[in-house]
Amino acid sequence: MELLLYLVLGSAAGVLAGLFGVGGGLIIVPVLVLSFTSQGMATEILTHLAVGTSLATIVFTSINSLLEHHRKGAVRWPLFRWLTLGIVLGAALGAMTASLIQGPLLQKIIGTFAIIVAAQMALDLKPKASLGVPGKPTLTVAGGVIGWASAIFGIGGGSLTVPFLVWRSVPIQQAVATSAACGLPIAIAGALSFMVTGWGNPSLPQWSVGFVYLPALLGIALTSMFFARFGARLAHRLSPLLLKRLFALLLFSVGLSFFI
């Protein structure tokens, strides 16, 4: 029964990620928090377990996305390399930061972020190209900040990387593609760091590797990759404005639920 829940969650996260062009982490983390709560997992670790597991699932979904964008020649690999240098360090630091935050407070931080992203999508706020393409030091620092925040929120970083690259005069298609590529190192570094920071915690349930819960990882990974393609095809048949507003409403509800 538990595995069935994760298969359904992976399907939903995949469809939403494909529909709205945002990583499924914004959906996976809240649902895992609810699932782990209903299973009676310890309050002090269940949020960290949800975030770590979400990052581990993004490893699988981001591979498909990266390959698709690479086939279209849209990934700016020089930008990716220097962003990744900062991302790996930032994600490790983000996991350590999250481990120092109590579970209930971490939920509120994630909820606040979801509400901010919802407002950005609902109001269609977009950065304007104001500065030139960044150099290597700027990319590394930006990657560090993006990796740090993404590890705390359990996301692939698209809602942070895309606006930054567009602001620095990278065309939107290339910004999205490069951001998708950056999701892989964010997920790998973040998931590994959560495994390390949670290693040996006596409150963890069976089948956990640090703060990554293997049954949830397996169930979500099995279905999310397939359904992301379905969501992407469906997105071309629906109104982009309607999609943004619906997803903004969903995210706002998710964010608000962490405060109730």
C-alpha atoms as a PDB file:
ATOM      1  CA  MET A   1       0.000   0.000   0.000  1.00  0.00           C
ATOM      2  CA  GLU A   2       2.849   2.334   0.911  1.00  0.00           C
ATOM      3  CA  LEU A   3       4.631   1.662  -2.392  1.00  0.00           C
ATOM      4  CA  LEU A   4       1.404   2.342  -4.295  1.00  0.00           C
ATOM      5  CA  LEU A   5       1.207   5.775  -2.656  1.00  0.00           C
ATOM      6  CA  TYR A   6       4.726   6.599  -3.819  1.00  0.00           C
ATOM      7  CA  LEU A   7       4.002   5.372  -7.346  1.00  0.00           C
ATOM      8  CA  VAL A   8       0.976   7.709  -7.487  1.00  0.00           C
ATOM      9  CA  LEU A   9       3.033  10.572  -6.022  1.00  0.00           C
ATOM     10  CA  GLY A  10       5.737  10.020  -8.647  1.00  0.00           C
ATOM     11  CA  SER A  11       3.098  10.089 -11.386  1.00  0.00           C
ATOM     12  CA  ALA A  12       1.606  13.328 -10.078  1.00  0.00           C
ATOM     13  CA  ALA A  13       4.991  14.969  -9.565  1.00  0.00           C
ATOM     14  CA  GLY A  14       6.095  13.941 -13.051  1.00  0.00           C
ATOM     15  CA  VAL A  15       2.956  15.314 -14.714  1.00  0.00           C
ATOM     16  CA  LEU A  16       3.186  18.586 -12.788  1.00  0.00           C
ATOM     17  CA  ALA A  17       6.887  18.953 -13.537  1.00  0.00           C
ATOM     18  CA  GLY A  18       6.238  18.388 -17.240  1.00  0.00           C
ATOM     19  CA  LEU A  19       3.187  20.657 -17.287  1.00  0.00           C
ATOM     20  CA  PHE A  20       4.657  23.618 -15.447  1.00  0.00           C
ATOM     21  CA  GLY A  21       8.367  23.316 -16.168  1.00  0.00           C
ATOM     22  CA  VAL A  22       9.321  23.253 -12.494  1.00  0.00           C
ATOM     23  CA  GLY A  23      10.980  20.446 -10.611  1.00  0.00           C
ATOM     24  CA  GLY A  24       8.693  18.036  -8.816  1.00  0.00           C
ATOM     25  CA  GLY A  25      10.421  18.768  -5.505  1.00  0.00           C
ATOM     26  CA  LEU A  26       7.942  21.538  -4.735  1.00  0.00           C
ATOM     27  CA  ILE A  27       5.212  18.889  -4.796  1.00  0.00           C
ATOM     28  CA  ILE A  28       7.146  15.854  -3.551  1.00  0.00           C
ATOM     29  CA  VAL A  29       8.391  17.401  -0.287  1.00  0.00           C
ATOM     30  CA  PRO A  30       4.974  18.461   1.092  1.00  0.00           C
ATOM     31  CA  VAL A  31       3.311  15.167   0.155  1.00  0.00           C
ATOM     32  CA  LEU A  32       6.144  13.164   1.705  1.00  0.00           C
ATOM     33  CA  VAL A  33       5.849  15.233   4.887  1.00  0.00           C
ATOM     34  CA  LEU A  34       2.152  14.305   5.070  1.00  0.00           C
ATOM     35  CA  SER A  35       2.880  10.667   4.238  1.00  0.00           C
ATOM     36  CA  PHE A  36       5.665  10.322   6.803  1.00  0.00           C
ATOM     37  CA  THR A  37       3.499  12.022   9.425  1.00  0.00           C
ATOM     38  CA  SER A  38       0.651   9.573   8.815  1.00  0.00           C
ATOM     39  CA  GLN A  39       3.128   6.689   9.134  1.00  0.00           C
ATOM     40  CA  GLY A  40       4.070   7.913  12.597  1.00  0.00           C
ATOM     41  CA  MET A  41       7.675   8.821  11.816  1.00  0.00           C
ATOM     42  CA  ALA A  42       9.510  10.969  14.363  1.00  0.00           C
ATOM     43  CA  THR A  43       8.651  14.662  14.048  1.00  0.00           C
ATOM     44  CA  GLU A  44      12.259  15.771  14.408  1.00  0.00           C
ATOM     45  CA  ILE A  45      13.450  13.886  11.321  1.00  0.00           C
ATOM     46  CA  LEU A  46      10.493  13.471   8.941  1.00  0.00           C
ATOM     47  CA  THR A  47      10.936  16.850   7.194  1.00  0.00           C
ATOM     48  CA  HIS A  48      14.644  16.227   6.655  1.00  0.00           C
ATOM     49  CA  LEU A  49      13.789  12.744   5.357  1.00  0.00           C
ATOM     50  CA  ALA A  50      11.273  14.279   2.912  1.00  0.00           C
ATOM     51  CA  VAL A  51      13.805  16.826   1.616  1.00  0.00           C
ATOM     52  CA  GLY A  52      16.628  14.294   1.250  1.00  0.00           C
ATOM     53  CA  THR A  53      14.360  11.795  -0.514  1.00  0.00           C
ATOM     54  CA  SER A  54      13.045  14.492  -2.850  1.00  0.00           C
ATOM     55  CA  LEU A  55      16.590  15.414  -3.898  1.00  0.00           C
ATOM     56  CA  ALA A  56      17.379  11.739  -4.543  1.00  0.00           C
ATOM     57  CA  THR A  57      14.343  11.397  -6.847  1.00  0.00           C
ATOM     58  CA  ILE A  58      15.424  14.487  -8.811  1.00  0.00           C
ATOM     59  CA  VAL A  59      18.636  12.646  -9.760  1.00  0.00           C
ATOM     60  CA  PHE A  60      16.528  10.337 -11.952  1.00  0.00           C
ATOM     61  CA  THR A  61      14.109  12.894 -13.402  1.00  0.00           C
ATOM     62  CA  SER A  62      16.846  15.402 -14.214  1.00  0.00           C
ATOM     63  CA  ILE A  63      18.787  12.910 -16.358  1.00  0.00           C
ATOM     64  CA  ASN A  64      15.925  12.690 -18.878  1.00  0.00           C
ATOM     65  CA  SER A  65      15.511  16.451 -18.904  1.00  0.00           C
ATOM     66  CA  LEU A  66      19.249  17.078 -19.348  1.00  0.00           C
ATOM     67  CA  LEU A  67      19.536  14.648 -22.279  1.00  0.00           C
ATOM     68  CA  GLU A  68      16.507  16.152 -24.031  1.00  0.00           C
ATOM     69  CA  HIS A  69      17.863  19.715 -23.775  1.00  0.00           C
ATOM     70  CA  HIS A  70      21.329  18.536 -24.845  1.00  0.00           C
ATOM     71  CA  ARG A  71      19.880  16.927 -27.967  1.00  0.00           C
ATOM     72  CA  LYS A  72      18.411  20.307 -28.873  1.00  0.00           C
ATOM     73  CA  GLY A  73      21.800  21.964 -28.362  1.00  0.00           C
ATOM     74  CA  ALA A  74      20.403  24.444 -25.848  1.00  0.00           C
ATOM     75  CA  VAL A  75      22.651  23.772 -22.821  1.00  0.00           C
ATOM     76  CA  ARG A  76      25.396  26.350 -22.276  1.00  0.00           C
ATOM     77  CA  TRP A  77      28.020  23.901 -21.015  1.00  0.00           C
ATOM     78  CA  PRO A  78      30.692  26.507 -20.099  1.00  0.00           C
ATOM     79  CA  LEU A  79      28.147  28.209 -17.813  1.00  0.00           C
ATOM     80  CA  PHE A  80      27.092  24.823 -16.437  1.00  0.00           C
ATOM     81  CA  ARG A  81      30.657  23.866 -15.477  1.00  0.00           C
ATOM     82  CA  TRP A  82      31.318  26.950 -13.362  1.00  0.00           C
ATOM     83  CA  LEU A  83      27.842  26.957 -11.835  1.00  0.00           C
ATOM     84  CA  THR A  84      28.345  23.307 -10.865  1.00  0.00           C
ATOM     85  CA  LEU A  85      31.556  24.088  -8.992  1.00  0.00           C
ATOM     86  CA  GLY A  86      29.595  26.360  -6.670  1.00  0.00           C
ATOM     87  CA  ILE A  87      26.515  24.114  -6.653  1.00  0.00           C
ATOM     88  CA  VAL A  88      28.353  21.102  -5.235  1.00  0.00           C
ATOM     89  CA  LEU A  89      29.837  23.116  -2.380  1.00  0.00           C
ATOM     90  CA  GLY A  90      26.602  25.015  -1.777  1.00  0.00           C
ATOM     91  CA  ALA A  91      24.434  21.881  -1.740  1.00  0.00           C
ATOM     92  CA  ALA A  92      26.684  20.231   0.841  1.00  0.00           C
ATOM     93  CA  LEU A  93      26.499  23.362   2.988  1.00  0.00           C
ATOM     94  CA  GLY A  94      22.718  23.509   2.488  1.00  0.00           C
ATOM     95  CA  ALA A  95      22.278  19.951   3.758  1.00  0.00           C
ATOM     96  CA  MET A  96      24.381  20.778   6.831  1.00  0.00           C
ATOM     97  CA  THR A  97      22.336  23.941   7.375  1.00  0.00           C
ATOM     98  CA  ALA A  98      19.078  21.975   7.143  1.00  0.00           C
ATOM     99  CA  SER A  99      20.361  19.441   9.672  1.00  0.00           C
ATOM    100  CA  LEU A 100      20.706  22.260  12.215  1.00  0.00           C
ATOM    101  CA  ILE A 101      17.100  23.451  11.712  1.00  0.00           C
ATOM    102  CA  GLN A 102      14.321  21.792  13.683  1.00  0.00           C
ATOM    103  CA  GLY A 103      11.718  19.972  11.577  1.00  0.00           C
ATOM    104  CA  PRO A 104       8.712  22.265  12.234  1.00  0.00           C
ATOM    105  CA  LEU A 105      10.755  25.393  11.456  1.00  0.00           C
ATOM    106  CA  LEU A 106      12.134  23.787   8.291  1.00  0.00           C
ATOM    107  CA  GLN A 107       8.551  23.132   7.166  1.00  0.00           C
ATOM    108  CA  LYS A 108       7.689  26.807   7.587  1.00  0.00           C
ATOM    109  CA  ILE A 109      10.782  27.854   5.612  1.00  0.00           C
ATOM    110  CA  ILE A 110       9.792  25.523   2.757  1.00  0.00           C
ATOM    111  CA  GLY A 111       6.186  26.765   2.966  1.00  0.00           C
ATOM    112  CA  THR A 112       7.329  30.380   2.699  1.00  0.00           C
ATOM    113  CA  PHE A 113       9.388  29.558  -0.380  1.00  0.00           C
ATOM    114  CA  ALA A 114       6.417  27.798  -2.020  1.00  0.00           C
ATOM    115  CA  ILE A 115       4.223  30.871  -1.414  1.00  0.00           C
ATOM    116  CA  ILE A 116       6.874  33.182  -2.906  1.00  0.00           C
ATOM    117  CA  VAL A 117       7.142  31.014  -6.038  1.00  0.00           C
ATOM    118  CA  ALA A 118       3.317  30.940  -6.239  1.00  0.00           C
ATOM    119  CA  ALA A 119       3.171  34.745  -6.144  1.00  0.00           C
ATOM    120  CA  GLN A 120       5.869  34.999  -8.822  1.00  0.00           C
ATOM    121  CA  MET A 121       3.938  32.677 -11.130  1.00  0.00           C
ATOM    122  CA  ALA A 122       0.516  34.215 -10.427  1.00  0.00           C
ATOM    123  CA  LEU A 123       1.758  37.750 -11.122  1.00  0.00           C
ATOM    124  CA  ASP A 124       3.960  36.558 -14.019  1.00  0.00           C
ATOM    125  CA  LEU A 125       6.980  38.370 -12.592  1.00  0.00           C
ATOM    126  CA  LYS A 126       9.995  37.933 -14.829  1.00  0.00           C
ATOM    127  CA  PRO A 127      13.486  39.379 -14.533  1.00  0.00           C
ATOM    128  CA  LYS A 128      14.736  41.609 -17.326  1.00  0.00           C
ATOM    129  CA  ALA A 129      18.140  41.187 -18.895  1.00  0.00           C
ATOM    130  CA  SER A 130      20.092  43.887 -17.066  1.00  0.00           C
ATOM    131  CA  LEU A 131      23.699  42.713 -17.001  1.00  0.00           C
ATOM    132  CA  GLY A 132      25.984  40.794 -19.319  1.00  0.00           C
ATOM    133  CA  VAL A 133      26.734  37.079 -19.209  1.00  0.00           C
ATOM    134  CA  PRO A 134      28.559  36.434 -15.915  1.00  0.00           C
ATOM    135  CA  GLY A 135      32.196  35.447 -15.602  1.00  0.00           C
ATOM    136  CA  LYS A 136      33.598  32.406 -13.844  1.00  0.00           C
ATOM    137  CA  PRO A 137      33.792  33.841 -10.277  1.00  0.00           C
ATOM    138  CA  THR A 138      30.224  35.179 -10.446  1.00  0.00           C
ATOM    139  CA  LEU A 139      28.919  31.862 -11.779  1.00  0.00           C
ATOM    140  CA  THR A 140      30.657  29.947  -8.987  1.00  0.00           C
ATOM    141  CA  VAL A 141      29.280  32.221  -6.262  1.00  0.00           C
ATOM    142  CA  ALA A 142      25.783  32.126  -7.793  1.00  0.00           C
ATOM    143  CA  GLY A 143      25.993  28.336  -8.040  1.00  0.00           C
ATOM    144  CA  GLY A 144      26.911  28.177  -4.359  1.00  0.00           C
ATOM    145  CA  VAL A 145      23.865  30.210  -3.339  1.00  0.00           C
ATOM    146  CA  ILE A 146      21.551  28.220  -5.643  1.00  0.00           C
ATOM    147  CA  GLY A 147      22.930  24.887  -4.423  1.00  0.00           C
ATOM    148  CA  TRP A 148      22.630  25.952  -0.766  1.00  0.00           C
ATOM    149  CA  ALA A 149      18.991  27.058  -1.101  1.00  0.00           C
ATOM    150  CA  SER A 150      17.991  24.101  -3.294  1.00  0.00           C
ATOM    151  CA  ALA A 151      19.328  21.589  -0.765  1.00  0.00           C
ATOM    152  CA  ILE A 152      17.311  23.217   2.013  1.00  0.00           C
ATOM    153  CA  PHE A 153      14.089  23.259  -0.045  1.00  0.00           C
ATOM    154  CA  GLY A 154      14.595  19.829  -1.664  1.00  0.00           C
ATOM    155  CA  ILE A 155      14.312  21.173  -5.221  1.00  0.00           C
ATOM    156  CA  GLY A 156      16.297  21.015  -8.462  1.00  0.00           C
ATOM    157  CA  GLY A 157      16.896  24.764  -8.447  1.00  0.00           C
ATOM    158  CA  GLY A 158      15.056  25.753 -11.625  1.00  0.00           C
ATOM    159  CA  SER A 159      13.045  28.479  -9.892  1.00  0.00           C
ATOM    160  CA  LEU A 160      16.359  30.068  -8.869  1.00  0.00           C
ATOM    161  CA  THR A 161      18.733  29.307 -11.744  1.00  0.00           C
ATOM    162  CA  VAL A 162      16.463  30.406 -14.612  1.00  0.00           C
ATOM    163  CA  PRO A 163      15.746  33.925 -13.252  1.00  0.00           C
ATOM    164  CA  PHE A 164      19.445  34.436 -12.507  1.00  0.00           C
ATOM    165  CA  LEU A 165      20.574  33.439 -16.008  1.00  0.00           C
ATOM    166  CA  VAL A 166      17.842  35.501 -17.707  1.00  0.00           C
ATOM    167  CA  TRP A 167      18.845  38.508 -15.581  1.00  0.00           C
ATOM    168  CA  ARG A 168      22.417  37.980 -16.829  1.00  0.00           C
ATOM    169  CA  SER A 169      21.309  38.128 -20.485  1.00  0.00           C
ATOM    170  CA  VAL A 170      21.173  34.394 -21.250  1.00  0.00           C
ATOM    171  CA  PRO A 171      18.288  33.697 -23.702  1.00  0.00           C
ATOM    172  CA  ILE A 172      15.336  32.062 -21.962  1.00  0.00           C
ATOM    173  CA  GLN A 173      15.551  28.758 -23.886  1.00  0.00           C
ATOM    174  CA  GLN A 174      19.235  28.396 -23.011  1.00  0.00           C
ATOM    175  CA  ALA A 175      18.576  29.484 -19.427  1.00  0.00           C
ATOM    176  CA  VAL A 176      15.932  26.775 -18.997  1.00  0.00           C
ATOM    177  CA  ALA A 177      18.147  24.127 -20.625  1.00  0.00           C
ATOM    178  CA  THR A 178      21.218  25.064 -18.571  1.00  0.00           C
ATOM    179  CA  SER A 179      19.100  25.145 -15.421  1.00  0.00           C
ATOM    180  CA  ALA A 180      17.794  21.659 -16.222  1.00  0.00           C
ATOM    181  CA  ALA A 181      21.377  20.435 -16.556  1.00  0.00           C
ATOM    182  CA  CYS A 182      22.274  22.041 -13.210  1.00  0.00           C
ATOM    183  CA  GLY A 183      19.472  20.065 -11.549  1.00  0.00           C
ATOM    184  CA  LEU A 184      21.584  16.889 -11.743  1.00  0.00           C
ATOM    185  CA  PRO A 185      24.612  18.074  -9.703  1.00  0.00           C
ATOM    186  CA  ILE A 186      22.260  19.820  -7.257  1.00  0.00           C
ATOM    187  CA  ALA A 187      20.350  16.577  -6.717  1.00  0.00           C
ATOM    188  CA  ILE A 188      23.443  14.354  -6.477  1.00  0.00           C
ATOM    189  CA  ALA A 189      25.361  16.631  -4.098  1.00  0.00           C
ATOM    190  CA  GLY A 190      22.266  17.376  -2.024  1.00  0.00           C
ATOM    191  CA  ALA A 191      21.104  13.763  -1.730  1.00  0.00           C
ATOM    192  CA  LEU A 192      24.578  12.496  -0.807  1.00  0.00           C
ATOM    193  CA  SER A 193      24.948  15.240   1.790  1.00  0.00           C
ATOM    194  CA  PHE A 194      21.581  14.365   3.348  1.00  0.00           C
ATOM    195  CA  MET A 195      22.645  10.728   3.468  1.00  0.00           C
ATOM    196  CA  VAL A 196      25.778  11.724   5.377  1.00  0.00           C
ATOM    197  CA  THR A 197      24.120  14.184   7.776  1.00  0.00           C
ATOM    198  CA  GLY A 198      21.387  11.669   8.631  1.00  0.00           C
ATOM    199  CA  TRP A 199      23.643   8.636   8.874  1.00  0.00           C
ATOM    200  CA  GLY A 200      23.139   6.653  12.080  1.00  0.00           C
ATOM    201  CA  ASN A 201      20.228   8.755  13.340  1.00  0.00           C
ATOM    202  CA  PRO A 202      18.358   6.438  15.757  1.00  0.00           C
ATOM    203  CA  SER A 203      14.943   7.918  14.826  1.00  0.00           C
ATOM    204  CA  LEU A 204      15.152   6.867  11.167  1.00  0.00           C
ATOM    205  CA  PRO A 205      12.769   4.161   9.905  1.00  0.00           C
ATOM    206  CA  GLN A 206      13.953   0.900   8.392  1.00  0.00           C
ATOM    207  CA  TRP A 207      15.124   1.099   4.750  1.00  0.00           C
ATOM    208  CA  SER A 208      16.590   4.566   5.182  1.00  0.00           C
ATOM    209  CA  VAL A 209      20.066   5.564   4.049  1.00  0.00           C
ATOM    210  CA  GLY A 210      20.657   8.651   6.122  1.00  0.00           C
ATOM    211  CA  PHE A 211      17.878  11.119   5.271  1.00  0.00           C
ATOM    212  CA  VAL A 212      16.831   9.230   2.117  1.00  0.00           C
ATOM    213  CA  TYR A 213      13.916   6.788   2.418  1.00  0.00           C
ATOM    214  CA  LEU A 214      14.430   4.052  -0.161  1.00  0.00           C
ATOM    215  CA  PRO A 215      10.784   2.852  -0.614  1.00  0.00           C
ATOM    216  CA  ALA A 216       9.693   6.404  -1.448  1.00  0.00           C
ATOM    217  CA  LEU A 217      12.695   6.920  -3.733  1.00  0.00           C
ATOM    218  CA  LEU A 218      11.956   3.718  -5.648  1.00  0.00           C
ATOM    219  CA  GLY A 219       8.236   4.374  -6.067  1.00  0.00           C
ATOM    220  CA  ILE A 220       8.595   8.004  -7.130  1.00  0.00           C
ATOM    221  CA  ALA A 221      11.528   7.386  -9.487  1.00  0.00           C
ATOM    222  CA  LEU A 222       9.723   4.521 -11.261  1.00  0.00           C
ATOM    223  CA  THR A 223       6.804   6.667 -12.404  1.00  0.00           C
ATOM    224  CA  SER A 224       7.953  10.311 -12.392  1.00  0.00           C
ATOM    225  CA  MET A 225      10.303   9.966 -15.375  1.00  0.00           C
ATOM    226  CA  PHE A 226       7.581   8.495 -17.597  1.00  0.00           C
ATOM    227  CA  PHE A 227       4.823  10.890 -16.536  1.00  0.00           C
ATOM    228  CA  ALA A 228       7.048  13.964 -16.946  1.00  0.00           C
ATOM    229  CA  ARG A 229       6.993  13.318 -20.695  1.00  0.00           C
ATOM    230  CA  PHE A 230       3.195  12.996 -20.610  1.00  0.00           C
ATOM    231  CA  GLY A 231       2.954  16.310 -18.729  1.00  0.00           C
ATOM    232  CA  ALA A 232       5.212  18.028 -21.245  1.00  0.00           C
ATOM    233  CA  ARG A 233       3.007  16.865 -24.139  1.00  0.00           C
ATOM    234  CA  LEU A 234      -0.127  17.943 -22.287  1.00  0.00           C
ATOM    235  CA  ALA A 235       1.353  21.394 -21.662  1.00  0.00           C
ATOM    236  CA  HIS A 236       1.320  22.119 -25.403  1.00  0.00           C
ATOM    237  CA  ARG A 237      -2.448  21.579 -25.526  1.00  0.00           C
ATOM    238  CA  LEU A 238      -3.430  23.880 -22.653  1.00  0.00           C
ATOM    239  CA  SER A 239      -3.317  27.643 -22.125  1.00  0.00           C
ATOM    240  CA  PRO A 240       0.055  28.691 -20.610  1.00  0.00           C
ATOM    241  CA  LEU A 241      -1.616  31.452 -18.598  1.00  0.00           C
ATOM    242  CA  LEU A 242      -4.209  29.045 -17.182  1.00  0.00           C
ATOM    243  CA  LEU A 243      -1.468  26.552 -16.326  1.00  0.00           C
ATOM    244  CA  LYS A 244       0.538  29.177 -14.434  1.00  0.00           C
ATOM    245  CA  ARG A 245      -2.468  30.317 -12.433  1.00  0.00           C
ATOM    246  CA  LEU A 246      -3.503  26.773 -11.552  1.00  0.00           C
ATOM    247  CA  PHE A 247       0.000  25.868 -10.435  1.00  0.00           C
ATOM    248  CA  ALA A 248       0.293  29.115  -8.461  1.00  0.00           C
ATOM    249  CA  LEU A 249      -2.926  28.208  -6.640  1.00  0.00           C
ATOM    250  CA  LEU A 250      -1.608  24.708  -5.941  1.00  0.00           C
ATOM    251  CA  LEU A 251       1.716  26.022  -4.615  1.00  0.00           C
ATOM    252  CA  PHE A 252      -0.001  28.641  -2.469  1.00  0.00           C
ATOM    253  CA  SER A 253      -2.185  25.927  -0.926  1.00  0.00           C
ATOM    254  CA  VAL A 254       0.866  23.726  -0.324  1.00  0.00           C
ATOM    255  CA  GLY A 255       2.808  26.577   1.275  1.00  0.00           C
ATOM    256  CA  LEU A 256      -0.118  27.601   3.443  1.00  0.00           C
ATOM    257  CA  SER A 257      -0.614  24.031   4.670  1.00  0.00           C
ATOM    258  CA  PHE A 258       2.762  24.209   6.456  1.00  0.00           C
ATOM    259  CA  PHE A 259       1.468  27.086   8.611  1.00  0.00           C
ATOM    260  CA  ILE A 260      -1.816  25.478   9.626  1.00  0.00           C
END
